Amino acid sequence: MINGKIKVSIDQSSSINIFVFLMPNSFNEEEAGSRGILQNNLEERNVKNGAFEVPTDWSVWIVYNPSITAGQLTVSSWVDDLVSTDVSKIKGLWQPTRIAFIDYKKLKEEEEERQRLI
């Protein structure tokens, strides 16, 4: 598993209804048999554009319905490193997750300090 966050951007859309579901990959077994109820209620309806991010152990589902005559959707996605401002999301909104913020800059500074003391 990559320790980071998935970013998904709805870059362009026209004549289309878009729904975005941000879902953990480990589900609550008590709700596994339910229909129409989201695990965490992280759902965006009638999206025209925008960006979404979730931990790398989640999935982003994009459901769309084009109009009868036409419809266009352009999406891009990528994985980014976690940053310190993601900690509150990791502890709250992004539960359940197994990712964790690791401050590599701080670890490097601590290692350099240990090396200097030797």
C-alpha atoms as a PDB file:
ATOM      1  CA  MET A   1       0.000   0.000   0.000  1.00  0.00           C
ATOM      2  CA  ILE A   2       1.231   3.490  -0.819  1.00  0.00           C
ATOM      3  CA  ASN A   3       1.161   5.821   2.190  1.00  0.00           C
ATOM      4  CA  GLY A   4      -0.404   8.906   0.615  1.00  0.00           C
ATOM      5  CA  LYS A   5      -3.586  10.360  -0.794  1.00  0.00           C
ATOM      6  CA  ILE A   6      -5.409   9.859  -4.061  1.00  0.00           C
ATOM      7  CA  LYS A   7      -6.470  13.061  -5.786  1.00  0.00           C
ATOM      8  CA  VAL A   8      -9.184  13.022  -8.428  1.00  0.00           C
ATOM      9  CA  SER A   9     -10.121  16.077 -10.464  1.00  0.00           C
ATOM     10  CA  ILE A  10     -13.228  16.549 -12.579  1.00  0.00           C
ATOM     11  CA  ASP A  11     -11.550  18.720 -15.203  1.00  0.00           C
ATOM     12  CA  GLN A  12     -14.384  19.175 -17.658  1.00  0.00           C
ATOM     13  CA  SER A  13     -18.002  18.096 -17.952  1.00  0.00           C
ATOM     14  CA  SER A  14     -20.970  18.992 -20.107  1.00  0.00           C
ATOM     15  CA  SER A  15     -24.492  17.581 -20.514  1.00  0.00           C
ATOM     16  CA  ILE A  16     -23.860  14.998 -17.811  1.00  0.00           C
ATOM     17  CA  ASN A  17     -24.965  14.265 -14.233  1.00  0.00           C
ATOM     18  CA  ILE A  18     -22.030  13.244 -12.033  1.00  0.00           C
ATOM     19  CA  PHE A  19     -22.024  11.593  -8.624  1.00  0.00           C
ATOM     20  CA  VAL A  20     -18.757  11.072  -6.711  1.00  0.00           C
ATOM     21  CA  PHE A  21     -18.500   8.484  -3.928  1.00  0.00           C
ATOM     22  CA  LEU A  22     -15.485   8.499  -1.576  1.00  0.00           C
ATOM     23  CA  MET A  23     -15.401   5.025  -0.062  1.00  0.00           C
ATOM     24  CA  PRO A  24     -13.156   3.108   2.354  1.00  0.00           C
ATOM     25  CA  ASN A  25     -12.058  -0.270   1.024  1.00  0.00           C
ATOM     26  CA  SER A  26     -12.620  -1.945   4.422  1.00  0.00           C
ATOM     27  CA  PHE A  27     -16.322  -1.921   5.152  1.00  0.00           C
ATOM     28  CA  ASN A  28     -18.307  -2.258   8.340  1.00  0.00           C
ATOM     29  CA  GLU A  29     -19.559  -5.865   8.225  1.00  0.00           C
ATOM     30  CA  GLU A  30     -22.854  -4.881   9.901  1.00  0.00           C
ATOM     31  CA  GLU A  31     -23.674  -2.643   6.925  1.00  0.00           C
ATOM     32  CA  ALA A  32     -22.343  -5.003   4.243  1.00  0.00           C
ATOM     33  CA  GLY A  33     -25.809  -6.261   3.280  1.00  0.00           C
ATOM     34  CA  SER A  34     -27.456  -2.848   3.120  1.00  0.00           C
ATOM     35  CA  ARG A  35     -28.506  -1.216  -0.132  1.00  0.00           C
ATOM     36  CA  GLY A  36     -28.449   2.503  -0.836  1.00  0.00           C
ATOM     37  CA  ILE A  37     -26.688   3.424   2.402  1.00  0.00           C
ATOM     38  CA  LEU A  38     -23.114   4.626   2.137  1.00  0.00           C
ATOM     39  CA  GLN A  39     -20.527   3.484   4.628  1.00  0.00           C
ATOM     40  CA  ASN A  40     -19.557   7.051   5.549  1.00  0.00           C
ATOM     41  CA  ASN A  41     -21.988   9.293   3.624  1.00  0.00           C
ATOM     42  CA  LEU A  42     -19.146  10.921   1.678  1.00  0.00           C
ATOM     43  CA  GLU A  43     -21.065  11.502  -1.515  1.00  0.00           C
ATOM     44  CA  GLU A  44     -21.183  14.481  -3.844  1.00  0.00           C
ATOM     45  CA  ARG A  45     -24.217  14.863  -6.114  1.00  0.00           C
ATOM     46  CA  ASN A  46     -24.624  16.853  -9.311  1.00  0.00           C
ATOM     47  CA  VAL A  47     -20.920  17.641  -9.544  1.00  0.00           C
ATOM     48  CA  LYS A  48     -19.882  19.880 -12.444  1.00  0.00           C
ATOM     49  CA  ASN A  49     -16.173  20.171 -11.599  1.00  0.00           C
ATOM     50  CA  GLY A  50     -13.857  20.069  -8.629  1.00  0.00           C
ATOM     51  CA  ALA A  51     -11.195  18.023  -6.890  1.00  0.00           C
ATOM     52  CA  PHE A  52     -11.505  15.273  -4.316  1.00  0.00           C
ATOM     53  CA  GLU A  53      -8.950  13.484  -2.166  1.00  0.00           C
ATOM     54  CA  VAL A  54      -8.986  10.305  -0.122  1.00  0.00           C
ATOM     55  CA  PRO A  55      -6.375   8.096   1.550  1.00  0.00           C
ATOM     56  CA  THR A  56      -4.702   5.544  -0.711  1.00  0.00           C
ATOM     57  CA  ASP A  57      -6.517   2.648   0.935  1.00  0.00           C
ATOM     58  CA  TRP A  58      -9.884   4.055  -0.248  1.00  0.00           C
ATOM     59  CA  SER A  59     -11.592   4.175  -3.635  1.00  0.00           C
ATOM     60  CA  VAL A  60     -13.183   7.011  -5.567  1.00  0.00           C
ATOM     61  CA  TRP A  61     -16.198   5.990  -7.613  1.00  0.00           C
ATOM     62  CA  ILE A  62     -17.481   8.334 -10.292  1.00  0.00           C
ATOM     63  CA  VAL A  63     -20.952   7.541 -11.558  1.00  0.00           C
ATOM     64  CA  TYR A  64     -22.270   9.559 -14.478  1.00  0.00           C
ATOM     65  CA  ASN A  65     -25.361   9.732 -16.658  1.00  0.00           C
ATOM     66  CA  PRO A  66     -24.932  11.549 -19.971  1.00  0.00           C
ATOM     67  CA  SER A  67     -27.902  13.248 -21.587  1.00  0.00           C
ATOM     68  CA  ILE A  68     -29.726  11.490 -24.406  1.00  0.00           C
ATOM     69  CA  THR A  69     -27.947  13.442 -27.151  1.00  0.00           C
ATOM     70  CA  ALA A  70     -24.448  14.018 -25.764  1.00  0.00           C
ATOM     71  CA  GLY A  71     -22.205  14.161 -22.742  1.00  0.00           C
ATOM     72  CA  GLN A  72     -18.567  14.729 -21.954  1.00  0.00           C
ATOM     73  CA  LEU A  73     -16.448  14.030 -18.902  1.00  0.00           C
ATOM     74  CA  THR A  74     -12.709  14.548 -18.421  1.00  0.00           C
ATOM     75  CA  VAL A  75     -11.106  13.231 -15.233  1.00  0.00           C
ATOM     76  CA  SER A  76      -7.520  13.168 -14.020  1.00  0.00           C
ATOM     77  CA  SER A  77      -6.104  11.399 -10.982  1.00  0.00           C
ATOM     78  CA  TRP A  78      -2.785  11.029  -9.211  1.00  0.00           C
ATOM     79  CA  VAL A  79      -1.238  10.114  -5.856  1.00  0.00           C
ATOM     80  CA  ASP A  80       0.389  12.744  -3.631  1.00  0.00           C
ATOM     81  CA  ASP A  81       2.411  12.537  -0.443  1.00  0.00           C
ATOM     82  CA  LEU A  82       0.652  13.321   2.791  1.00  0.00           C
ATOM     83  CA  VAL A  83       1.348  16.698   4.400  1.00  0.00           C
ATOM     84  CA  SER A  84       0.964  17.841   7.999  1.00  0.00           C
ATOM     85  CA  THR A  85      -2.408  19.472   7.262  1.00  0.00           C
ATOM     86  CA  ASP A  86      -3.792  16.011   6.398  1.00  0.00           C
ATOM     87  CA  VAL A  87      -3.426  14.765   9.997  1.00  0.00           C
ATOM     88  CA  SER A  88      -6.873  16.008  11.072  1.00  0.00           C
ATOM     89  CA  LYS A  89      -8.491  14.264   8.069  1.00  0.00           C
ATOM     90  CA  ILE A  90      -6.595  11.045   8.826  1.00  0.00           C
ATOM     91  CA  LYS A  91      -7.894  11.078  12.405  1.00  0.00           C
ATOM     92  CA  GLY A  92     -11.453  12.037  11.470  1.00  0.00           C
ATOM     93  CA  LEU A  93     -13.011  12.226   8.024  1.00  0.00           C
ATOM     94  CA  TRP A  94     -10.759   9.559   6.498  1.00  0.00           C
ATOM     95  CA  GLN A  95     -11.587   6.793   8.980  1.00  0.00           C
ATOM     96  CA  PRO A  96     -11.290   3.859   8.632  1.00  0.00           C
ATOM     97  CA  THR A  97      -7.786   4.029   7.188  1.00  0.00           C
ATOM     98  CA  ARG A  98      -4.388   2.457   7.821  1.00  0.00           C
ATOM     99  CA  ILE A  99      -2.300   5.339   6.473  1.00  0.00           C
ATOM    100  CA  ALA A 100      -0.300   7.648   8.735  1.00  0.00           C
ATOM    101  CA  PHE A 101       1.514  10.940   8.244  1.00  0.00           C
ATOM    102  CA  ILE A 102       5.276  10.500   8.474  1.00  0.00           C
ATOM    103  CA  ASP A 103       7.292  13.690   8.702  1.00  0.00           C
ATOM    104  CA  TYR A 104      10.318  12.641   6.632  1.00  0.00           C
ATOM    105  CA  LYS A 105      11.910  16.066   6.940  1.00  0.00           C
ATOM    106  CA  LYS A 106      11.834  15.826  10.729  1.00  0.00           C
ATOM    107  CA  LEU A 107      13.174  12.254  10.650  1.00  0.00           C
ATOM    108  CA  LYS A 108      16.051  13.347   8.418  1.00  0.00           C
ATOM    109  CA  GLU A 109      16.883  16.254  10.742  1.00  0.00           C
ATOM    110  CA  GLU A 110      16.850  13.934  13.780  1.00  0.00           C
ATOM    111  CA  GLU A 111      19.122  11.452  12.014  1.00  0.00           C
ATOM    112  CA  GLU A 112      21.551  14.228  11.041  1.00  0.00           C
ATOM    113  CA  GLU A 113      21.573  15.411  14.661  1.00  0.00           C
ATOM    114  CA  ARG A 114      22.341  11.865  15.903  1.00  0.00           C
ATOM    115  CA  GLN A 115      25.150  11.571  13.359  1.00  0.00           C
ATOM    116  CA  ARG A 116      26.581  14.902  14.502  1.00  0.00           C
ATOM    117  CA  LEU A 117      26.654  13.696  18.127  1.00  0.00           C
ATOM    118  CA  ILE A 118      28.566  10.518  17.295  1.00  0.00           C
END
